[in-house]
Amino acid sequence: MQIQFLGAAKVVTGSNYLISTNKYKILLDCGLFQGSKQLEKLNFKDFEFDPTQMDFLLLSHAHIDHSGRIPKLVKDGFNGKIVTTKATKDLCDIMLVDSGHIQESDATWENNKRKRAGLPLLEPLYTAADAKVSLNYFDPCLYDQTIRLNEDITVRFKDAGHILGSSIIELWVTENNKTAKIVFTGDLGMKNKPLLKDPEFIEEADYIIVESTYGNRLHEKIEERTKELIDIINKTALRGGTVIIPSFAINRTQELIYELNKYYAHTKELENFMKVPIYIDSPMAISATEVYRRNSSGFDDTTKKLILSGDDPFHFENLYYVNSQKESMRLNNQPYPKVIISASGMCNAGRVRHHLKHNLWDKNNSVIFVGYQAEGTLGRQLNEGVKKVRLLGEEIAVKAEIYSIEGFSGHADQKDLIIWLKAFKNLPKKIFVVHGEEESAETFAKLLEEKLGVDTIVPNMGYIFEVKDNMLKSYSGEILEPLKKKENILKELQDVYNTFDHLARKTDMLIDDKLLKKEYDQLKNKLLELNQQLLDINMLLSR
């Protein structure tokens, strides 16, 4: 048996793993790459396997970085079963079709530029129609059902507590009369979060594939997250400003609504003027909220009791759902204090970009990040303190106050990940650390070896683990390294150009001509070297 790591290895997006036996091929997740332009180009490359030869896809949850290439997979010939929970299927019904619309819109935008430049037109990664076709391959199940896919493969889904329907996948694979158990965490949720149950513990596994999004840090002030959120809203409202909250449409938005409901609907003696209007401006988030309402069996006991008492956790007096684009546009023309919760959570697409364009420049306003911001995203740039950003064709000054409340993260932090792994009664043979940026994954892997004494591996994308030989081997299909090399070369090129510019200014000064020529020649040589490396890397990436 082999395990191949084809996504979310030393990066946080593009979750995709292939398990192969002599008879069967099983995919775990098939997500979109998100973040930098170089990373997103991977979505358009051919799969590293033949989709027509895949027997099953086991989907951990609906987030687009785990499910977003499913329509492309089906479009390219996959005709097996996509096994996942019912709630995940319900969420994919809206998420994948919405993603198809985005792919079409992005292609139209790019093709309009290409027409003007006389360049060949591009096809979208997939269309909304493709997404609808892919939904026919879903075979939903329930938590804790033991499903025998065939004579050699059995699977069971356990609650991961990350979003509605999210799962830890237990997979038993028999080959040559030997059975190995693989446990794939998908994305593990935080303990004691509102709405959802805590992640379930697993007792045994031969091999674990564990996420490490927050493998190198702890969530701070978890108990104070709602108070901090309300304090920022009130402070901004009192100075007449608007609060923009970029939020993932699924779970994060519903969780925010739940927490705001507790404050606005249940705080006694709250002055009416402090009940600022809260706008949910994301059609997908609105649709997802309806899915949550239809799948309340997945809620924790506290939320179930709240519902049984007659309280709707997704409604309160000053909450408004914005459906039309006109309503959304009008929000930016209204001068009164308000809160706009809008997707996407990393600010790379969606209506939130329009709200940021109209609000970032005003020092009275605030932006609150309540989730992970991947490398290369606008959200990451704002979190890291940039002073200007380019949005929808305009350069926008960043004068609004920028906040980040990690306590709302949907991912377990380092401490919770360790607690979850320590619950195994029998330690696995190996732990593969994935779904984390390189520093986070490496830090977490080292900690696991110290705490548990288990051999851990942080695989590169494209690497194959041979279960038979109990070893990891590289092969010619390494995926991520060329991209990182290209990014480094581009940075070095920029440094060279900056130095050239500095030398050009020196020509008006009294400097030894020989010294100047020597510096110039050295830079020219470096430039030629970097350009050659860039050509080599581009050739490798174009294969």
Protein backbone atom coordinates (compact mmCIF):
# COMPACT_ATOMS: atom_id res chain seq x y z
CA MET A 1 0.00 0.00 0.00
CA GLN A 2 1.14 3.51 -0.76
CA ILE A 3 0.10 6.92 0.60
CA GLN A 4 0.81 9.83 -1.74
CA PHE A 5 0.67 13.45 -0.54
CA LEU A 6 -0.72 15.60 -3.35
CA GLY A 7 -1.96 18.67 -1.49
CA ALA A 8 -1.97 20.44 1.88
CA ALA A 9 1.61 19.28 2.52
CA LYS A 10 3.71 22.14 3.93
CA VAL A 11 0.82 24.40 2.89
CA VAL A 12 -2.67 24.78 4.32
CA THR A 13 -4.77 24.40 1.15
CA GLY A 14 -5.41 21.87 -1.61
CA SER A 15 -6.07 18.90 0.69
CA ASN A 16 -5.59 15.74 -1.42
CA TYR A 17 -4.11 12.34 -0.56
CA LEU A 18 -4.07 9.15 -2.61
CA ILE A 19 -4.04 5.69 -1.05
CA SER A 20 -3.23 2.92 -3.51
CA THR A 21 -3.28 -0.86 -3.18
CA ASN A 22 -2.74 -3.54 -5.81
CA LYS A 23 -6.48 -3.48 -6.50
CA TYR A 24 -7.95 -0.12 -5.43
CA LYS A 25 -7.29 3.62 -5.40
CA ILE A 26 -8.86 5.83 -2.72
CA LEU A 27 -8.70 9.61 -2.51
CA LEU A 28 -8.93 11.53 0.75
CA ASP A 29 -10.31 15.02 -0.06
CA CYS A 30 -9.91 16.91 -3.32
CA GLY A 31 -9.56 20.59 -2.38
CA LEU A 32 -8.71 23.83 -4.13
CA PHE A 33 -5.31 25.45 -3.69
CA GLN A 34 -5.75 28.99 -2.37
CA GLY A 35 -3.39 31.84 -1.58
CA SER A 36 -0.60 33.03 -3.88
CA LYS A 37 -1.09 33.13 -7.65
CA GLN A 38 1.61 30.50 -8.04
CA LEU A 39 -0.17 28.15 -5.66
CA GLU A 40 -3.56 28.72 -7.33
CA LYS A 41 -2.07 27.78 -10.72
CA LEU A 42 -1.78 24.23 -9.38
CA ASN A 43 -5.57 23.96 -9.66
CA PHE A 44 -5.29 24.08 -13.45
CA LYS A 45 -2.61 21.40 -13.74
CA ASP A 46 -3.57 17.84 -14.56
CA PHE A 47 -4.09 15.60 -11.54
CA GLU A 48 -1.05 13.53 -10.56
CA PHE A 49 -3.25 10.45 -11.08
CA ASP A 50 -5.78 9.22 -13.60
CA PRO A 51 -9.26 10.28 -12.31
CA THR A 52 -10.88 7.45 -14.28
CA GLN A 53 -8.96 4.92 -12.18
CA MET A 54 -10.12 6.21 -8.79
CA ASP A 55 -12.57 3.94 -6.97
CA PHE A 56 -13.61 6.16 -4.04
CA LEU A 57 -13.25 9.69 -2.72
CA LEU A 58 -13.67 10.05 1.04
CA LEU A 59 -14.46 13.68 1.86
CA SER A 60 -13.69 15.00 5.35
CA HIS A 61 -15.78 18.17 5.09
CA ALA A 62 -17.22 20.82 2.79
CA HIS A 63 -14.66 23.64 3.05
CA ILE A 64 -13.47 24.53 -0.43
CA ASP A 65 -9.81 23.78 0.32
CA HIS A 66 -10.96 20.19 0.93
CA SER A 67 -13.78 19.80 -1.64
CA GLY A 68 -13.20 22.50 -4.28
CA ARG A 69 -11.64 20.38 -7.06
CA ILE A 70 -14.32 17.68 -6.97
CA PRO A 71 -16.14 19.13 -10.05
CA LYS A 72 -12.82 19.12 -11.95
CA LEU A 73 -12.21 15.53 -10.81
CA VAL A 74 -15.60 14.42 -12.19
CA LYS A 75 -15.14 16.53 -15.32
CA ASP A 76 -11.83 14.72 -15.92
CA GLY A 77 -13.44 11.29 -15.71
CA PHE A 78 -13.96 10.23 -12.08
CA ASN A 79 -17.02 7.98 -11.82
CA GLY A 80 -16.60 6.37 -8.41
CA LYS A 81 -18.42 7.09 -5.14
CA ILE A 82 -17.88 10.23 -3.05
CA VAL A 83 -18.56 9.10 0.50
CA THR A 84 -19.14 11.74 3.17
CA THR A 85 -21.63 12.78 5.84
CA LYS A 86 -25.11 13.99 5.00
CA ALA A 87 -24.45 17.49 6.36
CA THR A 88 -21.27 17.74 4.24
CA LYS A 89 -23.27 16.76 1.16
CA ASP A 90 -25.89 19.42 1.99
CA LEU A 91 -23.20 22.09 2.32
CA CYS A 92 -21.44 20.97 -0.87
CA ASP A 93 -24.74 21.39 -2.70
CA ILE A 94 -24.34 25.14 -2.28
CA MET A 95 -20.57 25.52 -1.98
CA LEU A 96 -19.50 23.69 -5.12
CA VAL A 97 -22.12 25.35 -7.33
CA ASP A 98 -21.10 28.73 -5.94
CA SER A 99 -17.45 27.86 -6.62
CA GLY A 100 -18.43 27.01 -10.21
CA HIS A 101 -19.98 30.47 -10.63
CA ILE A 102 -16.78 32.03 -9.26
CA GLN A 103 -14.64 30.00 -11.69
CA GLU A 104 -16.81 31.18 -14.60
CA SER A 105 -16.69 34.80 -13.41
CA ASP A 106 -12.90 34.69 -12.97
CA ALA A 107 -12.49 33.22 -16.47
CA THR A 108 -14.72 35.93 -17.97
CA TRP A 109 -12.72 38.65 -16.21
CA GLU A 110 -9.41 37.20 -17.40
CA ASN A 111 -10.69 36.62 -20.95
CA ASN A 112 -11.84 40.22 -21.29
CA LYS A 113 -8.24 41.28 -20.64
CA ARG A 114 -6.93 38.62 -23.01
CA LYS A 115 -9.22 39.76 -25.81
CA ARG A 116 -7.87 43.29 -25.54
CA ALA A 117 -4.31 41.95 -25.54
CA GLY A 118 -4.92 39.57 -28.45
CA LEU A 119 -4.15 36.50 -26.31
CA PRO A 120 -5.86 33.08 -26.50
CA LEU A 121 -8.88 32.67 -24.24
CA LEU A 122 -8.99 30.41 -21.16
CA GLU A 123 -11.54 27.85 -20.04
CA PRO A 124 -12.81 28.04 -16.45
CA LEU A 125 -11.51 25.37 -14.11
CA TYR A 126 -15.10 24.13 -14.08
CA THR A 127 -18.59 25.61 -14.35
CA ALA A 128 -21.64 25.67 -12.10
CA ALA A 129 -23.13 23.01 -14.39
CA ASP A 130 -20.04 20.82 -13.85
CA ALA A 131 -20.47 21.26 -10.09
CA LYS A 132 -24.11 20.15 -10.27
CA VAL A 133 -23.10 17.02 -12.19
CA SER A 134 -20.46 16.16 -9.56
CA LEU A 135 -23.09 16.20 -6.82
CA ASN A 136 -24.67 13.09 -8.36
CA TYR A 137 -21.65 11.06 -7.26
CA PHE A 138 -22.11 11.83 -3.54
CA ASP A 139 -23.13 8.92 -1.32
CA PRO A 140 -23.98 10.43 2.09
CA CYS A 141 -23.73 8.54 5.36
CA LEU A 142 -24.08 9.19 9.10
CA TYR A 143 -21.49 9.48 11.84
CA ASP A 144 -20.40 6.17 13.40
CA GLN A 145 -21.77 4.01 10.59
CA THR A 146 -19.26 1.30 9.68
CA ILE A 147 -19.37 1.14 5.89
CA ARG A 148 -17.87 -1.76 3.98
CA LEU A 149 -16.99 -0.26 0.59
CA ASN A 150 -15.82 -3.64 -0.78
CA GLU A 151 -14.12 -6.81 0.43
CA ASP A 152 -10.88 -4.95 1.28
CA ILE A 153 -11.90 -1.45 2.37
CA THR A 154 -13.97 -0.30 5.34
CA VAL A 155 -14.57 3.28 6.46
CA ARG A 156 -16.16 5.11 9.39
CA PHE A 157 -16.73 8.84 9.89
CA LYS A 158 -16.36 10.39 13.37
CA ASP A 159 -17.25 13.96 14.37
CA ALA A 160 -14.26 16.33 13.94
CA GLY A 161 -16.03 19.32 15.55
CA HIS A 162 -14.67 21.71 12.90
CA ILE A 163 -17.78 22.63 10.90
CA LEU A 164 -21.18 21.00 10.50
CA GLY A 165 -20.65 17.51 9.09
CA SER A 166 -16.85 17.62 9.42
CA SER A 167 -15.24 14.25 9.96
CA ILE A 168 -12.27 12.32 11.15
CA ILE A 169 -11.98 9.41 8.72
CA GLU A 170 -11.13 5.92 9.98
CA LEU A 171 -10.04 3.73 7.08
CA TRP A 172 -9.24 0.00 7.20
CA VAL A 173 -7.39 -1.31 4.14
CA THR A 174 -6.64 -5.00 3.61
CA GLU A 175 -3.93 -6.11 1.22
CA ASN A 176 -2.16 -9.49 1.03
CA ASN A 177 -4.24 -10.66 4.02
CA LYS A 178 -2.90 -7.84 6.20
CA THR A 179 -5.08 -4.97 7.42
CA ALA A 180 -3.74 -1.50 8.16
CA LYS A 181 -5.78 1.25 9.77
CA ILE A 182 -5.28 4.84 8.61
CA VAL A 183 -6.83 7.75 10.49
CA PHE A 184 -7.17 11.07 8.67
CA THR A 185 -8.12 14.01 10.89
CA GLY A 186 -9.33 16.33 8.15
CA ASP A 187 -9.54 19.61 10.09
CA LEU A 188 -9.90 19.12 13.85
CA GLY A 189 -12.06 21.64 15.68
CA MET A 190 -11.46 23.40 18.98
CA LYS A 191 -12.86 22.06 22.22
CA ASN A 192 -15.74 23.84 23.96
CA LYS A 193 -16.78 25.80 20.89
CA PRO A 194 -20.37 27.01 20.51
CA LEU A 195 -22.85 25.15 18.29
CA LEU A 196 -20.85 22.00 17.58
CA LYS A 197 -19.72 18.98 19.57
CA ASP A 198 -16.07 18.51 20.54
CA PRO A 199 -13.89 16.37 18.25
CA GLU A 200 -14.29 12.67 18.99
CA PHE A 201 -11.33 10.67 20.24
CA ILE A 202 -10.01 7.62 18.37
CA GLU A 203 -8.41 4.71 20.19
CA GLU A 204 -6.06 3.12 17.70
CA ALA A 205 -4.43 3.48 14.28
CA ASP A 206 -1.41 2.18 12.42
CA TYR A 207 -0.89 5.49 10.59
CA ILE A 208 -2.26 8.96 11.34
CA ILE A 209 -2.48 11.87 8.91
CA VAL A 210 -2.93 14.89 11.19
CA GLU A 211 -3.47 18.55 10.40
CA SER A 212 -1.15 21.22 11.85
CA THR A 213 -2.69 24.58 10.94
CA TYR A 214 -1.93 25.86 14.44
CA GLY A 215 0.74 23.30 15.25
CA ASN A 216 3.18 25.96 16.43
CA ARG A 217 0.94 28.15 18.58
CA LEU A 218 -1.86 28.40 21.11
CA HIS A 219 -5.13 30.27 20.81
CA GLU A 220 -5.09 33.20 23.21
CA LYS A 221 -7.94 34.50 25.35
CA ILE A 222 -10.44 31.88 24.18
CA GLU A 223 -12.75 32.61 27.10
CA GLU A 224 -12.67 36.33 26.27
CA ARG A 225 -13.22 36.08 22.51
CA THR A 226 -16.85 37.23 22.55
CA LYS A 227 -16.16 40.04 25.01
CA GLU A 228 -13.26 41.24 22.83
CA LEU A 229 -15.49 41.12 19.76
CA ILE A 230 -18.27 43.12 21.44
CA ASP A 231 -15.79 45.64 22.87
CA ILE A 232 -14.38 46.36 19.40
CA ILE A 233 -17.89 46.67 17.92
CA ASN A 234 -19.00 49.08 20.66
CA LYS A 235 -15.82 51.15 20.53
CA THR A 236 -16.12 51.50 16.74
CA ALA A 237 -19.84 52.27 16.87
CA LEU A 238 -19.37 55.02 19.48
CA ARG A 239 -17.03 56.88 17.14
CA GLY A 240 -19.50 56.46 14.26
CA GLY A 241 -17.56 53.78 12.41
CA THR A 242 -18.32 50.56 10.57
CA VAL A 243 -16.95 47.14 11.52
CA ILE A 244 -16.07 44.75 8.68
CA ILE A 245 -15.70 41.10 9.65
CA PRO A 246 -14.36 38.91 6.82
CA SER A 247 -15.79 35.53 7.69
CA PHE A 248 -15.94 32.06 6.22
CA ALA A 249 -19.50 31.47 5.04
CA ILE A 250 -19.69 28.07 6.67
CA ASN A 251 -19.57 27.68 10.46
CA ARG A 252 -17.60 30.84 11.29
CA THR A 253 -20.51 33.08 10.28
CA GLN A 254 -23.03 30.86 12.07
CA GLU A 255 -20.83 30.83 15.17
CA LEU A 256 -20.60 34.63 15.14
CA ILE A 257 -24.39 34.90 14.82
CA TYR A 258 -24.78 32.50 17.75
CA GLU A 259 -22.43 34.54 19.98
CA LEU A 260 -23.98 37.87 18.97
CA ASN A 261 -27.42 36.43 19.65
CA LYS A 262 -26.36 35.65 23.24
CA TYR A 263 -25.25 39.26 23.71
CA TYR A 264 -27.97 41.24 21.95
CA ALA A 265 -30.94 38.99 22.77
CA HIS A 266 -30.01 38.04 26.33
CA THR A 267 -28.09 40.95 27.87
CA LYS A 268 -30.40 42.70 30.32
CA GLU A 269 -30.69 46.49 30.32
CA LEU A 270 -28.78 46.87 27.03
CA GLU A 271 -29.51 50.34 25.68
CA ASN A 272 -31.25 50.37 22.29
CA PHE A 273 -28.68 52.72 20.78
CA MET A 274 -26.02 50.06 21.45
CA LYS A 275 -27.91 47.53 19.34
CA VAL A 276 -26.09 48.41 16.14
CA PRO A 277 -27.42 46.69 13.01
CA ILE A 278 -25.58 43.46 12.15
CA TYR A 279 -25.65 42.60 8.43
CA ILE A 280 -24.89 39.13 7.10
CA ASP A 281 -23.83 39.97 3.55
CA SER A 282 -23.05 36.63 1.94
CA PRO A 283 -25.58 34.66 -0.10
CA MET A 284 -23.63 31.47 0.61
CA ALA A 285 -23.56 32.15 4.36
CA ILE A 286 -27.33 32.69 4.30
CA SER A 287 -27.86 29.40 2.44
CA ALA A 288 -25.42 27.65 4.78
CA THR A 289 -27.33 28.94 7.81
CA GLU A 290 -30.44 27.24 6.43
CA VAL A 291 -28.46 24.00 6.08
CA TYR A 292 -27.44 24.36 9.74
CA ARG A 293 -31.09 24.76 10.69
CA ARG A 294 -31.93 21.53 8.80
CA ASN A 295 -29.13 19.57 10.47
CA SER A 296 -29.56 20.57 14.12
CA SER A 297 -28.84 16.98 15.19
CA GLY A 298 -25.18 17.88 14.74
CA PHE A 299 -25.33 20.62 17.40
CA ASP A 300 -23.98 20.29 20.92
CA ASP A 301 -26.31 19.78 23.91
CA THR A 302 -26.27 23.46 24.92
CA THR A 303 -27.49 24.58 21.49
CA LYS A 304 -30.13 21.85 21.37
CA LYS A 305 -31.51 23.00 24.75
CA LEU A 306 -31.58 26.58 23.49
CA ILE A 307 -33.60 25.52 20.44
CA LEU A 308 -35.98 23.42 22.56
CA SER A 309 -36.60 26.46 24.79
CA GLY A 310 -37.95 28.30 21.74
CA ASP A 311 -34.88 30.44 20.96
CA ASP A 312 -33.65 30.61 17.39
CA PRO A 313 -29.83 30.91 17.71
CA PHE A 314 -29.63 32.38 14.20
CA HIS A 315 -31.97 35.31 14.76
CA PHE A 316 -32.17 38.41 16.94
CA GLU A 317 -33.75 41.85 16.72
CA ASN A 318 -30.88 43.78 15.10
CA LEU A 319 -29.72 41.01 12.74
CA TYR A 320 -30.36 41.43 9.00
CA TYR A 321 -29.66 39.03 6.15
CA VAL A 322 -28.63 40.77 2.92
CA ASN A 323 -29.59 38.90 -0.23
CA SER A 324 -29.38 41.17 -3.26
CA GLN A 325 -26.32 42.88 -4.67
CA LYS A 326 -28.17 46.22 -4.58
CA GLU A 327 -28.75 45.87 -0.84
CA SER A 328 -25.08 45.01 -0.41
CA MET A 329 -23.94 48.10 -2.36
CA ARG A 330 -26.27 50.35 -0.36
CA LEU A 331 -24.55 49.36 2.89
CA ASN A 332 -21.47 51.35 1.88
CA ASN A 333 -23.54 54.48 1.31
CA GLN A 334 -25.11 54.46 4.77
CA PRO A 335 -23.22 56.67 7.30
CA TYR A 336 -24.58 55.09 10.50
CA PRO A 337 -22.56 52.65 12.69
CA LYS A 338 -22.99 49.01 11.68
CA VAL A 339 -21.35 45.61 11.47
CA ILE A 340 -20.95 43.85 8.11
CA ILE A 341 -20.10 40.14 8.22
CA SER A 342 -19.17 39.07 4.72
CA ALA A 343 -17.27 36.37 2.82
CA SER A 344 -14.67 35.42 1.89
CA GLY A 345 -12.87 34.87 5.17
CA MET A 346 -9.41 35.50 3.65
CA CYS A 347 -10.62 38.46 1.52
CA ASN A 348 -9.57 36.86 -1.76
CA ALA A 349 -13.02 36.97 -3.32
CA GLY A 350 -16.65 37.87 -2.63
CA ARG A 351 -18.52 40.93 -1.43
CA VAL A 352 -16.13 41.60 1.44
CA ARG A 353 -13.61 43.04 -1.02
CA HIS A 354 -16.08 45.78 -1.97
CA HIS A 355 -16.72 46.56 1.69
CA LEU A 356 -12.99 46.76 2.37
CA LYS A 357 -12.51 49.08 -0.59
CA HIS A 358 -15.12 51.48 0.80
CA ASN A 359 -14.07 51.26 4.44
CA LEU A 360 -10.34 50.56 4.83
CA TRP A 361 -9.33 54.19 4.25
CA ASP A 362 -11.43 55.57 7.15
CA LYS A 363 -9.71 55.62 10.55
CA ASN A 364 -13.09 55.45 12.32
CA ASN A 365 -13.70 51.97 10.95
CA SER A 366 -12.42 48.57 12.11
CA VAL A 367 -11.67 45.22 10.46
CA ILE A 368 -11.81 42.08 12.62
CA PHE A 369 -10.28 38.82 11.43
CA VAL A 370 -11.78 35.76 13.09
CA GLY A 371 -9.98 32.98 11.23
CA TYR A 372 -6.77 31.74 9.68
CA GLN A 373 -5.26 33.87 6.91
CA ALA A 374 -3.19 31.84 4.44
CA GLU A 375 0.04 33.06 2.87
CA GLY A 376 -0.51 35.21 -0.20
CA THR A 377 -4.04 36.31 0.73
CA LEU A 378 -5.24 39.89 1.18
CA GLY A 379 -6.31 38.98 4.72
CA ARG A 380 -2.75 37.92 5.56
CA GLN A 381 -1.37 41.22 4.17
CA LEU A 382 -3.79 43.29 6.26
CA ASN A 383 -3.04 41.21 9.35
CA GLU A 384 0.67 41.82 8.86
CA GLY A 385 0.17 45.59 8.82
CA VAL A 386 0.45 46.77 5.21
CA LYS A 387 -0.29 50.46 4.74
CA LYS A 388 -1.76 50.24 1.24
CA VAL A 389 -3.52 47.53 -0.75
CA ARG A 390 -4.78 47.24 -4.30
CA LEU A 391 -8.49 46.44 -4.41
CA LEU A 392 -10.71 46.21 -7.48
CA GLY A 393 -8.34 48.30 -9.57
CA GLU A 394 -7.67 51.00 -6.97
CA GLU A 395 -4.91 51.61 -4.44
CA ILE A 396 -6.52 51.94 -1.01
CA ALA A 397 -4.87 53.37 2.10
CA VAL A 398 -5.23 51.18 5.20
CA LYS A 399 -6.24 53.51 8.03
CA ALA A 400 -8.96 51.43 9.69
CA GLU A 401 -8.00 49.61 12.88
CA ILE A 402 -7.10 45.97 12.17
CA TYR A 403 -7.82 43.27 14.77
CA SER A 404 -7.39 39.50 14.90
CA ILE A 405 -9.29 37.33 17.37
CA GLU A 406 -7.80 33.84 17.14
CA GLY A 407 -10.23 32.45 19.69
CA PHE A 408 -12.82 32.12 16.92
CA SER A 409 -10.62 29.79 14.89
CA GLY A 410 -12.23 26.57 13.73
CA HIS A 411 -8.95 24.69 14.16
CA ALA A 412 -7.54 23.01 17.25
CA ASP A 413 -4.37 24.68 18.48
CA GLN A 414 -1.15 22.92 19.45
CA LYS A 415 -2.40 22.00 22.93
CA ASP A 416 -5.69 20.51 21.72
CA LEU A 417 -3.95 18.59 18.93
CA ILE A 418 -1.60 17.01 21.47
CA ILE A 419 -4.52 16.13 23.78
CA TRP A 420 -6.33 14.49 20.87
CA LEU A 421 -3.30 12.41 19.87
CA LYS A 422 -2.53 11.39 23.46
CA ALA A 423 -5.99 9.81 23.68
CA PHE A 424 -4.89 6.95 21.43
CA LYS A 425 -4.53 3.79 23.52
CA ASN A 426 -2.05 2.29 21.07
CA LEU A 427 0.53 4.57 19.47
CA PRO A 428 0.68 4.46 15.66
CA LYS A 429 3.69 3.33 13.64
CA LYS A 430 3.98 6.76 12.04
CA ILE A 431 2.32 10.16 12.13
CA PHE A 432 2.22 12.29 8.98
CA VAL A 433 1.94 16.02 9.75
CA VAL A 434 0.10 17.88 6.99
CA HIS A 435 -2.18 20.90 6.40
CA GLY A 436 0.17 23.45 7.93
CA GLU A 437 2.71 25.95 6.71
CA GLU A 438 6.21 24.50 6.83
CA GLU A 439 7.28 26.12 10.11
CA SER A 440 4.07 25.09 11.85
CA ALA A 441 4.23 21.51 10.57
CA GLU A 442 7.92 21.05 11.41
CA THR A 443 7.50 22.51 14.91
CA PHE A 444 4.53 20.27 15.63
CA ALA A 445 6.26 17.16 14.26
CA LYS A 446 9.27 17.75 16.51
CA LEU A 447 6.99 18.24 19.51
CA LEU A 448 5.17 14.96 18.76
CA GLU A 449 8.42 13.04 18.71
CA GLU A 450 9.39 14.55 22.06
CA LYS A 451 5.98 14.06 23.73
CA LEU A 452 4.86 10.76 22.23
CA GLY A 453 8.05 9.14 21.01
CA VAL A 454 6.43 8.35 17.66
CA ASP A 455 8.23 8.65 14.34
CA THR A 456 6.77 11.68 12.54
CA ILE A 457 7.10 12.78 8.93
CA VAL A 458 6.38 16.16 7.35
CA PRO A 459 6.01 15.09 3.71
CA ASN A 460 6.60 17.34 0.73
CA MET A 461 3.87 17.51 -1.86
CA GLY A 462 4.28 14.69 -4.30
CA TYR A 463 6.04 12.32 -1.91
CA ILE A 464 4.99 8.69 -1.60
CA PHE A 465 5.04 6.59 1.57
CA GLU A 466 5.50 2.88 0.96
CA VAL A 467 3.73 1.03 3.76
CA LYS A 468 5.33 -2.26 2.72
CA ASP A 469 8.85 -0.93 3.29
CA ASN A 470 7.82 1.51 6.02
CA MET A 471 9.67 4.30 4.23
CA LEU A 472 9.11 7.63 2.53
CA LYS A 473 10.56 8.01 -0.92
CA SER A 474 10.70 11.04 -3.18
CA TYR A 475 9.98 10.80 -6.86
CA SER A 476 10.12 13.08 -9.86
CA GLY A 477 6.65 14.49 -9.24
CA GLU A 478 7.63 16.92 -6.47
CA ILE A 479 5.12 19.75 -6.69
CA LEU A 480 5.69 22.51 -4.19
CA GLU A 481 9.48 22.92 -4.21
CA PRO A 482 9.67 24.53 -7.71
CA LEU A 483 7.03 27.08 -6.68
CA LYS A 484 8.98 28.04 -3.56
CA LYS A 485 12.20 28.29 -5.60
CA LYS A 486 10.47 30.53 -8.13
CA GLU A 487 9.17 32.82 -5.39
CA ASN A 488 12.69 33.08 -3.93
CA ILE A 489 14.21 33.83 -7.35
CA LEU A 490 11.65 36.57 -7.97
CA LYS A 491 12.52 38.13 -4.59
CA GLU A 492 16.24 38.01 -5.44
CA LEU A 493 15.54 39.59 -8.84
CA GLN A 494 13.71 42.44 -7.15
CA ASP A 495 16.72 42.98 -4.85
CA VAL A 496 19.02 43.12 -7.87
CA TYR A 497 16.80 45.64 -9.64
CA ASN A 498 16.68 47.79 -6.50
CA THR A 499 20.49 47.72 -6.31
CA PHE A 500 20.74 48.66 -9.99
CA ASP A 501 18.49 51.62 -9.26
CA HIS A 502 20.71 52.60 -6.32
CA LEU A 503 23.83 52.42 -8.52
CA ALA A 504 22.18 54.55 -11.19
CA ARG A 505 21.75 57.30 -8.62
CA LYS A 506 25.44 57.03 -7.72
CA THR A 507 26.53 58.05 -11.24
CA ASP A 508 25.98 61.71 -10.38
CA MET A 509 28.27 61.41 -7.36
CA LEU A 510 32.10 61.49 -7.18
CA ILE A 511 32.72 57.74 -7.07
CA ASP A 512 35.58 55.74 -8.57
CA ASP A 513 34.43 54.60 -12.03
CA LYS A 514 36.31 51.30 -11.74
CA LEU A 515 34.58 50.48 -8.46
CA LEU A 516 31.22 51.39 -9.95
CA LYS A 517 31.85 49.20 -13.02
CA LYS A 518 32.91 46.29 -10.79
CA GLU A 519 29.63 46.51 -8.82
CA TYR A 520 27.67 46.80 -12.05
CA ASP A 521 29.35 43.71 -13.56
CA GLN A 522 28.70 41.67 -10.42
CA LEU A 523 25.02 42.62 -10.50
CA LYS A 524 24.78 41.88 -14.20
CA ASN A 525 26.24 38.41 -13.65
CA LYS A 526 23.78 37.79 -10.81
CA LEU A 527 20.91 38.96 -13.01
CA LEU A 528 21.89 36.56 -15.82
CA GLU A 529 22.18 33.72 -13.31
CA LEU A 530 18.75 34.41 -11.78
CA ASN A 531 17.09 34.75 -15.18
CA GLN A 532 18.50 31.35 -16.20
CA GLN A 533 17.24 29.78 -12.96
CA LEU A 534 13.82 31.33 -13.58
CA LEU A 535 13.71 29.85 -17.10
CA ASP A 536 14.64 26.41 -15.73
CA ILE A 537 11.95 26.58 -13.04
CA ASN A 538 9.29 27.77 -15.52
CA MET A 539 10.19 24.87 -17.81
CA LEU A 540 9.78 22.43 -14.90
CA LEU A 541 6.43 23.95 -13.89
CA SER A 542 5.09 23.84 -17.45
CA ARG A 543 5.50 20.06 -17.75
